[in-house]
Amino acid sequence: MEVSRLPLSASQRGKLIYAGYTSLSSLSSVSSSELARDLNVSETEALEILKVASYSGWLDGTSGSHAIVNGAQTAWDMLHEEELLRRITTSSADLDDILGGGISCKEVTEIGGVPGIGKTQLGIQLAVNVQIPANYGGLGGKAIYIDTEGSFMVERVLQIAEACLEDMLDYDVLLHKGVQACQVKMQPKDFLANIYYFRICSYTELIAVINYLEKFISEHKDVKVVIVDSITFHFRQDFEDMALRTRLLSGMALKLMKLAKKFTLAVILLNQVTTKYSEGSFHLTLALGDSWSHACTSRLILYWNSNERYAYIDKSPSLRSASSPYSVTGRGIRNSTSNCKRIKMM
């Protein structure tokens, strides 16, 4: 149960969410004195809030030993489900190859790298490619794009959508050699209409949108990918309380994992880089610290190697560590062409 649904005053709910307490589970192990300190209220008021949360938890069937637990699932059933899952192609055959066919559904995948490496380009590509119809090997779904940096460009989405349609037509010609090719029914405007866009201007807005996603996706069940570009932006500014930041990020990560599993969709979190001091020198690493690195199922790091862009699987429960070159072209993400000169940064 969400804190926003508790029978509390609007100011109390606002204080809870601002302090990182967004669900009943986040209140389950906190003491009244700790809550009073975090909310800047009296201990008496904090105790009353905990009582309301505890009572609501019992009614909701989510507290302690009275929680409603679903039946166990066998590992064999899980394997069978995974074999049936389709993946979202990146439009680079080499990149798809190291990813086992593309970005997996029911997982949270983090994609990080230096500025200009193509994180947003890959995010837009996935928002388009998730819409490829099933008879072309796609999911035929829709996308949610949460933009925290203002880097989402509709003109670029249109370019990639047009290129995707051209690829589908080429596939038709190849598949129906000597036979009248099927007519591709989608138009570029259809791709744009199937991307739900949220512009986020603060971390509180980001938390609110993520809390709202379950309801939104329940009403739009054809959504098959959620992209956050980037998860980092608003959490690197004006944040002195690192404990609060960790709690907020952990809460969001848990919600996104739950969405991925419940609705069989892919969650893509784009991340920035920062410098880390280790063994006497500074080196680049993904932002948000070591604790955040456990929040995703898989992690893909994008980097420059001389004049080529590369993607490296840094973390995955099912894929071996591997790297692959790729290119960002006018048509979107493609196999490497080695025509973009940049210095090695990572």
C-alpha atoms as a PDB file:
ATOM      1  CA  MET A   1       0.000   0.000   0.000  1.00  0.00           C
ATOM      2  CA  GLU A   2       1.239   3.496  -0.865  1.00  0.00           C
ATOM      3  CA  VAL A   3       1.687   6.188   1.782  1.00  0.00           C
ATOM      4  CA  SER A   4      -0.322   8.541  -0.450  1.00  0.00           C
ATOM      5  CA  ARG A   5      -3.426   6.417   0.300  1.00  0.00           C
ATOM      6  CA  LEU A   6      -3.121   6.555   4.086  1.00  0.00           C
ATOM      7  CA  PRO A   7      -5.896   8.413   5.972  1.00  0.00           C
ATOM      8  CA  LEU A   8      -3.527  11.210   7.037  1.00  0.00           C
ATOM      9  CA  SER A   9      -3.528  14.942   6.426  1.00  0.00           C
ATOM     10  CA  ALA A  10      -2.093  16.184   3.139  1.00  0.00           C
ATOM     11  CA  SER A  11       0.841  17.804   4.952  1.00  0.00           C
ATOM     12  CA  GLN A  12       1.685  14.572   6.787  1.00  0.00           C
ATOM     13  CA  ARG A  13       1.583  12.536   3.573  1.00  0.00           C
ATOM     14  CA  GLY A  14       3.732  15.174   1.882  1.00  0.00           C
ATOM     15  CA  LYS A  15       6.312  15.054   4.671  1.00  0.00           C
ATOM     16  CA  LEU A  16       6.440  11.254   4.511  1.00  0.00           C
ATOM     17  CA  ILE A  17       6.988  11.184   0.748  1.00  0.00           C
ATOM     18  CA  TYR A  18       9.555  14.018   0.901  1.00  0.00           C
ATOM     19  CA  ALA A  19      11.509  12.082   3.560  1.00  0.00           C
ATOM     20  CA  GLY A  20      11.519   8.943   1.437  1.00  0.00           C
ATOM     21  CA  TYR A  21       8.719   6.990   3.132  1.00  0.00           C
ATOM     22  CA  THR A  22       6.597   6.153   0.099  1.00  0.00           C
ATOM     23  CA  SER A  23       5.146   2.773   1.099  1.00  0.00           C
ATOM     24  CA  LEU A  24       4.011   0.937   4.234  1.00  0.00           C
ATOM     25  CA  SER A  25       7.024  -1.344   4.045  1.00  0.00           C
ATOM     26  CA  SER A  26       9.337   1.661   4.406  1.00  0.00           C
ATOM     27  CA  LEU A  27       7.609   2.489   7.729  1.00  0.00           C
ATOM     28  CA  SER A  28       7.658  -1.057   9.086  1.00  0.00           C
ATOM     29  CA  SER A  29      11.048  -0.911  10.795  1.00  0.00           C
ATOM     30  CA  VAL A  30      11.353   2.762  11.756  1.00  0.00           C
ATOM     31  CA  SER A  31      10.917   3.960  15.358  1.00  0.00           C
ATOM     32  CA  SER A  32       8.759   6.923  16.363  1.00  0.00           C
ATOM     33  CA  SER A  33      11.834   8.937  17.384  1.00  0.00           C
ATOM     34  CA  GLU A  34      13.531   8.299  14.026  1.00  0.00           C
ATOM     35  CA  LEU A  35      10.365   9.212  12.146  1.00  0.00           C
ATOM     36  CA  ALA A  36       9.931  12.370  14.236  1.00  0.00           C
ATOM     37  CA  ARG A  37      13.480  13.434  13.361  1.00  0.00           C
ATOM     38  CA  ASP A  38      13.084  12.694   9.650  1.00  0.00           C
ATOM     39  CA  LEU A  39       9.720  14.486   9.376  1.00  0.00           C
ATOM     40  CA  ASN A  40      10.626  17.293  11.799  1.00  0.00           C
ATOM     41  CA  VAL A  41       7.481  16.650  13.886  1.00  0.00           C
ATOM     42  CA  SER A  42       6.876  15.760  17.509  1.00  0.00           C
ATOM     43  CA  GLU A  43       7.345  12.176  18.645  1.00  0.00           C
ATOM     44  CA  THR A  44       3.658  12.047  19.584  1.00  0.00           C
ATOM     45  CA  GLU A  45       2.635  12.939  16.021  1.00  0.00           C
ATOM     46  CA  ALA A  46       5.124  10.430  14.631  1.00  0.00           C
ATOM     47  CA  LEU A  47       3.659   7.724  16.863  1.00  0.00           C
ATOM     48  CA  GLU A  48       0.142   8.529  15.618  1.00  0.00           C
ATOM     49  CA  ILE A  49       1.350   8.269  12.007  1.00  0.00           C
ATOM     50  CA  LEU A  50       2.884   4.866  12.713  1.00  0.00           C
ATOM     51  CA  LYS A  51      -0.350   3.697  14.354  1.00  0.00           C
ATOM     52  CA  VAL A  52      -2.376   4.723  11.287  1.00  0.00           C
ATOM     53  CA  ALA A  53       0.140   2.996   8.995  1.00  0.00           C
ATOM     54  CA  SER A  54       0.091  -0.155  11.126  1.00  0.00           C
ATOM     55  CA  TYR A  55      -3.723  -0.288  11.203  1.00  0.00           C
ATOM     56  CA  SER A  56      -3.949   0.290   7.447  1.00  0.00           C
ATOM     57  CA  GLY A  57      -1.400  -2.467   6.922  1.00  0.00           C
ATOM     58  CA  TRP A  58      -3.518  -4.989   8.838  1.00  0.00           C
ATOM     59  CA  LEU A  59      -6.597  -4.034   6.822  1.00  0.00           C
ATOM     60  CA  ASP A  60      -4.667  -4.269   3.573  1.00  0.00           C
ATOM     61  CA  GLY A  61      -3.315  -7.693   4.461  1.00  0.00           C
ATOM     62  CA  THR A  62       0.305  -6.584   4.081  1.00  0.00           C
ATOM     63  CA  SER A  63       1.542  -6.614   7.655  1.00  0.00           C
ATOM     64  CA  GLY A  64       3.702  -9.235   9.312  1.00  0.00           C
ATOM     65  CA  SER A  65       2.601 -12.847   9.409  1.00  0.00           C
ATOM     66  CA  HIS A  66      -0.848 -11.894   8.121  1.00  0.00           C
ATOM     67  CA  ALA A  67       0.539 -10.907   4.721  1.00  0.00           C
ATOM     68  CA  ILE A  68      -1.085 -12.514   1.731  1.00  0.00           C
ATOM     69  CA  VAL A  69       1.550 -14.739   0.121  1.00  0.00           C
ATOM     70  CA  ASN A  70       1.065 -16.200  -3.325  1.00  0.00           C
ATOM     71  CA  GLY A  71       1.822 -19.845  -4.017  1.00  0.00           C
ATOM     72  CA  ALA A  72       5.385 -20.871  -4.812  1.00  0.00           C
ATOM     73  CA  GLN A  73       6.565 -21.208  -8.390  1.00  0.00           C
ATOM     74  CA  THR A  74       8.895 -23.987  -9.495  1.00  0.00           C
ATOM     75  CA  ALA A  75      12.248 -23.239 -11.093  1.00  0.00           C
ATOM     76  CA  TRP A  76      11.137 -25.307 -14.107  1.00  0.00           C
ATOM     77  CA  ASP A  77       8.127 -23.021 -14.625  1.00  0.00           C
ATOM     78  CA  MET A  78      10.374 -19.988 -14.289  1.00  0.00           C
ATOM     79  CA  LEU A  79      12.735 -21.343 -16.957  1.00  0.00           C
ATOM     80  CA  HIS A  80       9.812 -22.027 -19.283  1.00  0.00           C
ATOM     81  CA  GLU A  81       8.522 -18.483 -18.799  1.00  0.00           C
ATOM     82  CA  GLU A  82      11.925 -16.989 -19.530  1.00  0.00           C
ATOM     83  CA  GLU A  83      12.253 -19.019 -22.732  1.00  0.00           C
ATOM     84  CA  LEU A  84       8.943 -17.576 -23.938  1.00  0.00           C
ATOM     85  CA  LEU A  85       9.913 -13.979 -23.184  1.00  0.00           C
ATOM     86  CA  ARG A  86      10.680 -11.793 -26.175  1.00  0.00           C
ATOM     87  CA  ARG A  87      13.422  -9.191 -26.105  1.00  0.00           C
ATOM     88  CA  ILE A  88      13.568  -5.651 -27.449  1.00  0.00           C
ATOM     89  CA  THR A  89      16.096  -5.338 -30.245  1.00  0.00           C
ATOM     90  CA  THR A  90      18.616  -2.493 -30.113  1.00  0.00           C
ATOM     91  CA  SER A  91      18.843  -2.420 -33.948  1.00  0.00           C
ATOM     92  CA  SER A  92      22.500  -3.434 -33.670  1.00  0.00           C
ATOM     93  CA  ALA A  93      22.937  -7.144 -34.379  1.00  0.00           C
ATOM     94  CA  ASP A  94      26.310  -7.174 -32.595  1.00  0.00           C
ATOM     95  CA  LEU A  95      24.877  -5.519 -29.503  1.00  0.00           C
ATOM     96  CA  ASP A  96      21.835  -7.823 -29.533  1.00  0.00           C
ATOM     97  CA  ASP A  97      24.202 -10.784 -29.735  1.00  0.00           C
ATOM     98  CA  ILE A  98      25.951 -10.056 -26.420  1.00  0.00           C
ATOM     99  CA  LEU A  99      22.563  -9.236 -24.852  1.00  0.00           C
ATOM    100  CA  GLY A 100      21.121 -12.631 -25.772  1.00  0.00           C
ATOM    101  CA  GLY A 101      18.817 -11.140 -28.381  1.00  0.00           C
ATOM    102  CA  GLY A 102      18.152  -7.685 -26.945  1.00  0.00           C
ATOM    103  CA  ILE A 103      16.914  -6.020 -23.771  1.00  0.00           C
ATOM    104  CA  SER A 104      15.055  -8.478 -21.568  1.00  0.00           C
ATOM    105  CA  CYS A 105      11.555  -7.967 -20.200  1.00  0.00           C
ATOM    106  CA  LYS A 106      10.748  -8.566 -16.503  1.00  0.00           C
ATOM    107  CA  GLU A 107      14.124  -6.995 -15.652  1.00  0.00           C
ATOM    108  CA  VAL A 108      15.572  -3.614 -14.671  1.00  0.00           C
ATOM    109  CA  THR A 109      18.489  -2.775 -16.967  1.00  0.00           C
ATOM    110  CA  GLU A 110      20.829   0.101 -16.174  1.00  0.00           C
ATOM    111  CA  ILE A 111      22.676   1.739 -19.081  1.00  0.00           C
ATOM    112  CA  GLY A 112      25.431   4.184 -18.174  1.00  0.00           C
ATOM    113  CA  GLY A 113      28.268   6.049 -19.822  1.00  0.00           C
ATOM    114  CA  VAL A 114      29.985   9.352 -20.500  1.00  0.00           C
ATOM    115  CA  PRO A 115      28.182  12.329 -22.098  1.00  0.00           C
ATOM    116  CA  GLY A 116      27.754  11.964 -25.849  1.00  0.00           C
ATOM    117  CA  ILE A 117      28.198   8.186 -25.878  1.00  0.00           C
ATOM    118  CA  GLY A 118      24.607   7.568 -27.038  1.00  0.00           C
ATOM    119  CA  LYS A 119      22.570   6.761 -23.904  1.00  0.00           C
ATOM    120  CA  THR A 120      19.578   8.866 -24.929  1.00  0.00           C
ATOM    121  CA  GLN A 121      19.876   7.647 -28.525  1.00  0.00           C
ATOM    122  CA  LEU A 122      19.670   4.053 -27.290  1.00  0.00           C
ATOM    123  CA  GLY A 123      16.737   4.943 -25.036  1.00  0.00           C
ATOM    124  CA  ILE A 124      14.814   6.476 -27.951  1.00  0.00           C
ATOM    125  CA  GLN A 125      15.704   3.495 -30.164  1.00  0.00           C
ATOM    126  CA  LEU A 126      14.237   1.096 -27.596  1.00  0.00           C
ATOM    127  CA  ALA A 127      11.093   3.241 -27.247  1.00  0.00           C
ATOM    128  CA  VAL A 128      10.592   2.879 -31.012  1.00  0.00           C
ATOM    129  CA  ASN A 129      11.664  -0.755 -31.366  1.00  0.00           C
ATOM    130  CA  VAL A 130       9.332  -2.014 -28.633  1.00  0.00           C
ATOM    131  CA  GLN A 131       6.517  -1.134 -31.038  1.00  0.00           C
ATOM    132  CA  ILE A 132       7.688  -3.468 -33.822  1.00  0.00           C
ATOM    133  CA  PRO A 133       4.756  -5.852 -34.454  1.00  0.00           C
ATOM    134  CA  ALA A 134       4.983  -9.477 -33.359  1.00  0.00           C
ATOM    135  CA  ASN A 135       5.005 -10.749 -36.967  1.00  0.00           C
ATOM    136  CA  TYR A 136       8.251  -8.820 -37.460  1.00  0.00           C
ATOM    137  CA  GLY A 137       9.794 -10.312 -34.332  1.00  0.00           C
ATOM    138  CA  GLY A 138       8.854  -7.470 -31.997  1.00  0.00           C
ATOM    139  CA  LEU A 139       6.617  -7.008 -28.971  1.00  0.00           C
ATOM    140  CA  GLY A 140       3.968  -4.768 -30.529  1.00  0.00           C
ATOM    141  CA  GLY A 141       3.918  -2.720 -27.334  1.00  0.00           C
ATOM    142  CA  LYS A 142       4.058   0.901 -26.247  1.00  0.00           C
ATOM    143  CA  ALA A 143       6.637   2.901 -24.306  1.00  0.00           C
ATOM    144  CA  ILE A 144       6.787   5.253 -21.337  1.00  0.00           C
ATOM    145  CA  TYR A 145       9.630   7.777 -21.537  1.00  0.00           C
ATOM    146  CA  ILE A 146      10.449   9.698 -18.346  1.00  0.00           C
ATOM    147  CA  ASP A 147      12.736  12.621 -19.227  1.00  0.00           C
ATOM    148  CA  THR A 148      14.559  14.299 -16.331  1.00  0.00           C
ATOM    149  CA  GLU A 149      17.168  16.149 -18.409  1.00  0.00           C
ATOM    150  CA  GLY A 150      15.162  17.596 -21.310  1.00  0.00           C
ATOM    151  CA  SER A 151      17.186  15.555 -23.827  1.00  0.00           C
ATOM    152  CA  PHE A 152      14.220  13.872 -25.530  1.00  0.00           C
ATOM    153  CA  MET A 153      13.946  15.249 -29.091  1.00  0.00           C
ATOM    154  CA  VAL A 154      10.751  14.501 -31.009  1.00  0.00           C
ATOM    155  CA  GLU A 155      12.463  15.189 -34.343  1.00  0.00           C
ATOM    156  CA  ARG A 156      15.011  12.485 -33.530  1.00  0.00           C
ATOM    157  CA  VAL A 157      12.248  10.048 -32.575  1.00  0.00           C
ATOM    158  CA  LEU A 158      10.643  10.681 -35.966  1.00  0.00           C
ATOM    159  CA  GLN A 159      13.938   9.970 -37.764  1.00  0.00           C
ATOM    160  CA  ILE A 160      14.410   6.685 -35.926  1.00  0.00           C
ATOM    161  CA  ALA A 161      10.749   5.717 -36.482  1.00  0.00           C
ATOM    162  CA  GLU A 162      11.078   6.322 -40.233  1.00  0.00           C
ATOM    163  CA  ALA A 163      14.239   4.200 -40.335  1.00  0.00           C
ATOM    164  CA  CYS A 164      12.498   1.448 -38.366  1.00  0.00           C
ATOM    165  CA  LEU A 165       9.673   1.384 -40.914  1.00  0.00           C
ATOM    166  CA  GLU A 166      12.202   1.146 -43.737  1.00  0.00           C
ATOM    167  CA  ASP A 167      13.836  -1.817 -41.993  1.00  0.00           C
ATOM    168  CA  MET A 168      10.448  -3.508 -41.687  1.00  0.00           C
ATOM    169  CA  LEU A 169       9.811  -2.996 -45.422  1.00  0.00           C
ATOM    170  CA  ASP A 170      13.224  -4.453 -46.231  1.00  0.00           C
ATOM    171  CA  TYR A 171      12.374  -7.426 -44.031  1.00  0.00           C
ATOM    172  CA  ASP A 172       9.141  -7.900 -45.962  1.00  0.00           C
ATOM    173  CA  VAL A 173      10.976  -7.903 -49.290  1.00  0.00           C
ATOM    174  CA  LEU A 174      13.540 -10.386 -47.993  1.00  0.00           C
ATOM    175  CA  LEU A 175      10.905 -12.661 -46.523  1.00  0.00           C
ATOM    176  CA  HIS A 176       8.637 -12.658 -49.561  1.00  0.00           C
ATOM    177  CA  LYS A 177      11.117 -13.005 -52.418  1.00  0.00           C
ATOM    178  CA  GLY A 178       9.226 -13.253 -55.694  1.00  0.00           C
ATOM    179  CA  VAL A 179       5.924 -12.793 -53.871  1.00  0.00           C
ATOM    180  CA  GLN A 180       3.923  -9.651 -53.252  1.00  0.00           C
ATOM    181  CA  ALA A 181       5.230  -8.212 -49.983  1.00  0.00           C
ATOM    182  CA  CYS A 182       2.840  -7.499 -47.149  1.00  0.00           C
ATOM    183  CA  GLN A 183       1.913  -3.905 -46.580  1.00  0.00           C
ATOM    184  CA  VAL A 184       3.367  -2.366 -43.402  1.00  0.00           C
ATOM    185  CA  LYS A 185       0.361  -0.761 -41.775  1.00  0.00           C
ATOM    186  CA  MET A 186       2.198   1.478 -39.286  1.00  0.00           C
ATOM    187  CA  GLN A 187       3.165   5.071 -40.061  1.00  0.00           C
ATOM    188  CA  PRO A 188       5.868   7.228 -38.391  1.00  0.00           C
ATOM    189  CA  LYS A 189       3.186   9.187 -36.532  1.00  0.00           C
ATOM    190  CA  ASP A 190       1.946   5.914 -34.998  1.00  0.00           C
ATOM    191  CA  PHE A 191       5.317   5.388 -33.327  1.00  0.00           C
ATOM    192  CA  LEU A 192       5.155   8.848 -31.769  1.00  0.00           C
ATOM    193  CA  ALA A 193       1.564   8.291 -30.630  1.00  0.00           C
ATOM    194  CA  ASN A 194       2.645   5.124 -28.795  1.00  0.00           C
ATOM    195  CA  ILE A 195       5.260   6.840 -26.604  1.00  0.00           C
ATOM    196  CA  TYR A 196       3.879   8.310 -23.366  1.00  0.00           C
ATOM    197  CA  TYR A 197       6.199  11.151 -22.353  1.00  0.00           C
ATOM    198  CA  PHE A 198       6.671  12.588 -18.852  1.00  0.00           C
ATOM    199  CA  ARG A 199       8.892  15.659 -18.342  1.00  0.00           C
ATOM    200  CA  ILE A 200      10.330  15.701 -14.810  1.00  0.00           C
ATOM    201  CA  CYS A 201      11.797  18.816 -13.177  1.00  0.00           C
ATOM    202  CA  SER A 202      12.604  17.618  -9.625  1.00  0.00           C
ATOM    203  CA  TYR A 203      13.271  14.431  -7.707  1.00  0.00           C
ATOM    204  CA  THR A 204       9.907  14.761  -5.933  1.00  0.00           C
ATOM    205  CA  GLU A 205       8.184  14.772  -9.334  1.00  0.00           C
ATOM    206  CA  LEU A 206      10.160  11.688 -10.319  1.00  0.00           C
ATOM    207  CA  ILE A 207       9.058   9.869  -7.148  1.00  0.00           C
ATOM    208  CA  ALA A 208       5.445  10.906  -7.780  1.00  0.00           C
ATOM    209  CA  VAL A 209       5.488   9.650 -11.370  1.00  0.00           C
ATOM    210  CA  ILE A 210       7.050   6.318 -10.406  1.00  0.00           C
ATOM    211  CA  ASN A 211       4.410   5.916  -7.696  1.00  0.00           C
ATOM    212  CA  TYR A 212       1.762   6.614 -10.364  1.00  0.00           C
ATOM    213  CA  LEU A 213       3.142   4.161 -12.934  1.00  0.00           C
ATOM    214  CA  GLU A 214       1.398   1.055 -11.589  1.00  0.00           C
ATOM    215  CA  LYS A 215      -2.017   2.692 -12.001  1.00  0.00           C
ATOM    216  CA  PHE A 216      -1.098   4.101 -15.407  1.00  0.00           C
ATOM    217  CA  ILE A 217       0.207   0.782 -16.743  1.00  0.00           C
ATOM    218  CA  SER A 218      -2.847  -1.037 -15.353  1.00  0.00           C
ATOM    219  CA  GLU A 219      -4.905   1.226 -17.617  1.00  0.00           C
ATOM    220  CA  HIS A 220      -2.466   0.888 -20.553  1.00  0.00           C
ATOM    221  CA  LYS A 221      -1.551  -2.792 -20.457  1.00  0.00           C
ATOM    222  CA  ASP A 222       0.214  -2.672 -23.830  1.00  0.00           C
ATOM    223  CA  VAL A 223       3.118  -0.711 -22.309  1.00  0.00           C
ATOM    224  CA  LYS A 224       6.186  -2.959 -22.597  1.00  0.00           C
ATOM    225  CA  VAL A 225       9.061  -0.641 -21.697  1.00  0.00           C
ATOM    226  CA  VAL A 226       9.646   2.135 -19.167  1.00  0.00           C
ATOM    227  CA  ILE A 227      12.682   4.352 -19.807  1.00  0.00           C
ATOM    228  CA  VAL A 228      14.030   6.836 -17.236  1.00  0.00           C
ATOM    229  CA  ASP A 229      16.496   9.306 -18.804  1.00  0.00           C
ATOM    230  CA  SER A 230      18.221   9.710 -16.468  1.00  0.00           C
ATOM    231  CA  ILE A 231      17.702   8.296 -13.007  1.00  0.00           C
ATOM    232  CA  THR A 232      20.693  10.355 -11.845  1.00  0.00           C
ATOM    233  CA  PHE A 233      20.043  13.957 -12.816  1.00  0.00           C
ATOM    234  CA  HIS A 234      17.997  15.309  -9.894  1.00  0.00           C
ATOM    235  CA  PHE A 235      19.770  13.160  -7.308  1.00  0.00           C
ATOM    236  CA  ARG A 236      23.152  14.796  -7.969  1.00  0.00           C
ATOM    237  CA  GLN A 237      21.966  18.301  -7.086  1.00  0.00           C
ATOM    238  CA  ASP A 238      21.313  19.872  -3.681  1.00  0.00           C
ATOM    239  CA  PHE A 239      21.445  16.565  -1.851  1.00  0.00           C
ATOM    240  CA  GLU A 240      23.378  16.792   1.391  1.00  0.00           C
ATOM    241  CA  ASP A 241      21.528  13.987   3.193  1.00  0.00           C
ATOM    242  CA  MET A 242      23.024  10.891   1.592  1.00  0.00           C
ATOM    243  CA  ALA A 243      21.001   8.558   3.825  1.00  0.00           C
ATOM    244  CA  LEU A 244      17.796  10.158   2.534  1.00  0.00           C
ATOM    245  CA  ARG A 245      19.020   9.884  -1.049  1.00  0.00           C
ATOM    246  CA  THR A 246      19.826   6.192  -0.610  1.00  0.00           C
ATOM    247  CA  ARG A 247      16.401   5.544   0.916  1.00  0.00           C
ATOM    248  CA  LEU A 248      14.585   7.363  -1.897  1.00  0.00           C
ATOM    249  CA  LEU A 249      16.558   5.585  -4.600  1.00  0.00           C
ATOM    250  CA  SER A 250      16.061   2.185  -2.970  1.00  0.00           C
ATOM    251  CA  GLY A 251      12.315   2.782  -2.756  1.00  0.00           C
ATOM    252  CA  MET A 252      12.117   3.716  -6.436  1.00  0.00           C
ATOM    253  CA  ALA A 253      14.234   0.725  -7.459  1.00  0.00           C
ATOM    254  CA  LEU A 254      11.940  -1.670  -5.593  1.00  0.00           C
ATOM    255  CA  LYS A 255       8.856  -0.180  -7.249  1.00  0.00           C
ATOM    256  CA  LEU A 256      10.416  -0.449 -10.701  1.00  0.00           C
ATOM    257  CA  MET A 257      11.429  -4.067 -10.096  1.00  0.00           C
ATOM    258  CA  LYS A 258       7.872  -4.816  -9.040  1.00  0.00           C
ATOM    259  CA  LEU A 259       6.493  -3.169 -12.214  1.00  0.00           C
ATOM    260  CA  ALA A 260       8.857  -5.159 -14.429  1.00  0.00           C
ATOM    261  CA  LYS A 261       7.765  -8.462 -12.881  1.00  0.00           C
ATOM    262  CA  LYS A 262       4.062  -7.712 -12.539  1.00  0.00           C
ATOM    263  CA  PHE A 263       3.505  -6.398 -16.085  1.00  0.00           C
ATOM    264  CA  THR A 264       6.250  -8.377 -17.899  1.00  0.00           C
ATOM    265  CA  LEU A 265       7.936  -5.264 -19.205  1.00  0.00           C
ATOM    266  CA  ALA A 266      11.470  -3.918 -19.473  1.00  0.00           C
ATOM    267  CA  VAL A 267      12.640  -1.055 -17.264  1.00  0.00           C
ATOM    268  CA  ILE A 268      15.599   0.919 -18.640  1.00  0.00           C
ATOM    269  CA  LEU A 269      17.439   3.281 -16.293  1.00  0.00           C
ATOM    270  CA  LEU A 270      19.957   5.585 -17.942  1.00  0.00           C
ATOM    271  CA  ASN A 271      22.792   6.687 -15.655  1.00  0.00           C
ATOM    272  CA  GLN A 272      25.591   9.237 -15.747  1.00  0.00           C
ATOM    273  CA  VAL A 273      29.225   8.834 -14.719  1.00  0.00           C
ATOM    274  CA  THR A 274      31.257  10.334 -11.913  1.00  0.00           C
ATOM    275  CA  THR A 275      34.870  10.185 -10.738  1.00  0.00           C
ATOM    276  CA  LYS A 276      35.924   7.830  -7.973  1.00  0.00           C
ATOM    277  CA  TYR A 277      39.220   7.849  -6.089  1.00  0.00           C
ATOM    278  CA  SER A 278      40.725   4.395  -5.736  1.00  0.00           C
ATOM    279  CA  GLU A 279      44.239   3.009  -5.338  1.00  0.00           C
ATOM    280  CA  GLY A 280      45.864   6.417  -5.570  1.00  0.00           C
ATOM    281  CA  SER A 281      44.105   7.717  -8.672  1.00  0.00           C
ATOM    282  CA  PHE A 282      40.775   8.901 -10.008  1.00  0.00           C
ATOM    283  CA  HIS A 283      38.778   6.886 -12.519  1.00  0.00           C
ATOM    284  CA  LEU A 284      35.325   7.083 -14.077  1.00  0.00           C
ATOM    285  CA  THR A 285      32.478   5.026 -12.643  1.00  0.00           C
ATOM    286  CA  LEU A 286      28.688   5.095 -12.841  1.00  0.00           C
ATOM    287  CA  ALA A 287      27.003   7.596 -10.539  1.00  0.00           C
ATOM    288  CA  LEU A 288      24.924   7.070  -7.375  1.00  0.00           C
ATOM    289  CA  GLY A 289      27.418   4.897  -5.504  1.00  0.00           C
ATOM    290  CA  ASP A 290      27.979   1.242  -4.718  1.00  0.00           C
ATOM    291  CA  SER A 291      24.621   0.659  -3.021  1.00  0.00           C
ATOM    292  CA  TRP A 292      22.773   1.735  -6.171  1.00  0.00           C
ATOM    293  CA  SER A 293      24.683  -0.810  -8.259  1.00  0.00           C
ATOM    294  CA  HIS A 294      22.567  -3.551  -6.645  1.00  0.00           C
ATOM    295  CA  ALA A 295      19.296  -1.917  -7.715  1.00  0.00           C
ATOM    296  CA  CYS A 296      19.308  -3.232 -11.288  1.00  0.00           C
ATOM    297  CA  THR A 297      19.152  -6.753 -12.668  1.00  0.00           C
ATOM    298  CA  SER A 298      21.625  -6.067 -15.471  1.00  0.00           C
ATOM    299  CA  ARG A 299      24.085  -3.268 -16.138  1.00  0.00           C
ATOM    300  CA  LEU A 300      25.388  -2.148 -19.526  1.00  0.00           C
ATOM    301  CA  ILE A 301      28.282   0.323 -19.654  1.00  0.00           C
ATOM    302  CA  LEU A 302      28.837   2.392 -22.802  1.00  0.00           C
ATOM    303  CA  TYR A 303      32.354   3.712 -23.431  1.00  0.00           C
ATOM    304  CA  TRP A 304      34.779   4.958 -26.065  1.00  0.00           C
ATOM    305  CA  ASN A 305      37.616   2.748 -27.295  1.00  0.00           C
ATOM    306  CA  SER A 306      39.755   4.922 -29.546  1.00  0.00           C
ATOM    307  CA  ASN A 307      37.344   6.001 -32.296  1.00  0.00           C
ATOM    308  CA  GLU A 308      34.604   3.463 -31.609  1.00  0.00           C
ATOM    309  CA  ARG A 309      31.667   3.271 -29.259  1.00  0.00           C
ATOM    310  CA  TYR A 310      31.515   0.060 -27.231  1.00  0.00           C
ATOM    311  CA  ALA A 311      28.967  -1.538 -24.914  1.00  0.00           C
ATOM    312  CA  TYR A 312      30.117  -3.790 -22.090  1.00  0.00           C
ATOM    313  CA  ILE A 313      27.959  -6.108 -19.986  1.00  0.00           C
ATOM    314  CA  ASP A 314      29.157  -5.296 -16.486  1.00  0.00           C
ATOM    315  CA  LYS A 315      26.478  -7.231 -14.595  1.00  0.00           C
ATOM    316  CA  SER A 316      23.920  -9.876 -15.535  1.00  0.00           C
ATOM    317  CA  PRO A 317      22.474 -12.972 -13.824  1.00  0.00           C
ATOM    318  CA  SER A 318      22.327 -14.898 -17.102  1.00  0.00           C
ATOM    319  CA  LEU A 319      24.789 -13.363 -19.572  1.00  0.00           C
ATOM    320  CA  ARG A 320      28.554 -13.591 -19.575  1.00  0.00           C
ATOM    321  CA  SER A 321      30.627 -10.411 -19.497  1.00  0.00           C
ATOM    322  CA  ALA A 322      31.215  -9.320 -23.070  1.00  0.00           C
ATOM    323  CA  SER A 323      31.659  -6.186 -25.140  1.00  0.00           C
ATOM    324  CA  SER A 324      30.535  -5.121 -28.591  1.00  0.00           C
ATOM    325  CA  PRO A 325      31.070  -2.067 -30.803  1.00  0.00           C
ATOM    326  CA  TYR A 326      28.068  -0.085 -32.033  1.00  0.00           C
ATOM    327  CA  SER A 327      27.378   3.159 -33.885  1.00  0.00           C
ATOM    328  CA  VAL A 328      24.957   6.054 -33.533  1.00  0.00           C
ATOM    329  CA  THR A 329      23.874   6.947 -37.071  1.00  0.00           C
ATOM    330  CA  GLY A 330      21.227   9.095 -38.660  1.00  0.00           C
ATOM    331  CA  ARG A 331      19.015   5.989 -38.690  1.00  0.00           C
ATOM    332  CA  GLY A 332      19.609   5.272 -35.011  1.00  0.00           C
ATOM    333  CA  ILE A 333      21.665   2.579 -33.270  1.00  0.00           C
ATOM    334  CA  ARG A 334      23.418   0.281 -35.717  1.00  0.00           C
ATOM    335  CA  ASN A 335      26.440  -1.997 -36.028  1.00  0.00           C
ATOM    336  CA  SER A 336      29.764  -0.201 -35.806  1.00  0.00           C
ATOM    337  CA  THR A 337      30.989   1.686 -38.861  1.00  0.00           C
ATOM    338  CA  SER A 338      34.098   3.235 -37.229  1.00  0.00           C
ATOM    339  CA  ASN A 339      33.333   6.624 -38.741  1.00  0.00           C
ATOM    340  CA  CYS A 340      32.879   8.711 -35.587  1.00  0.00           C
ATOM    341  CA  LYS A 341      36.213   9.960 -34.281  1.00  0.00           C
ATOM    342  CA  ARG A 342      36.411  10.555 -30.557  1.00  0.00           C
ATOM    343  CA  ILE A 343      39.127  10.255 -27.939  1.00  0.00           C
ATOM    344  CA  LYS A 344      39.127   7.410 -25.469  1.00  0.00           C
ATOM    345  CA  MET A 345      37.376   8.575 -22.287  1.00  0.00           C
ATOM    346  CA  MET A 346      36.669   5.366 -20.413  1.00  0.00           C
END
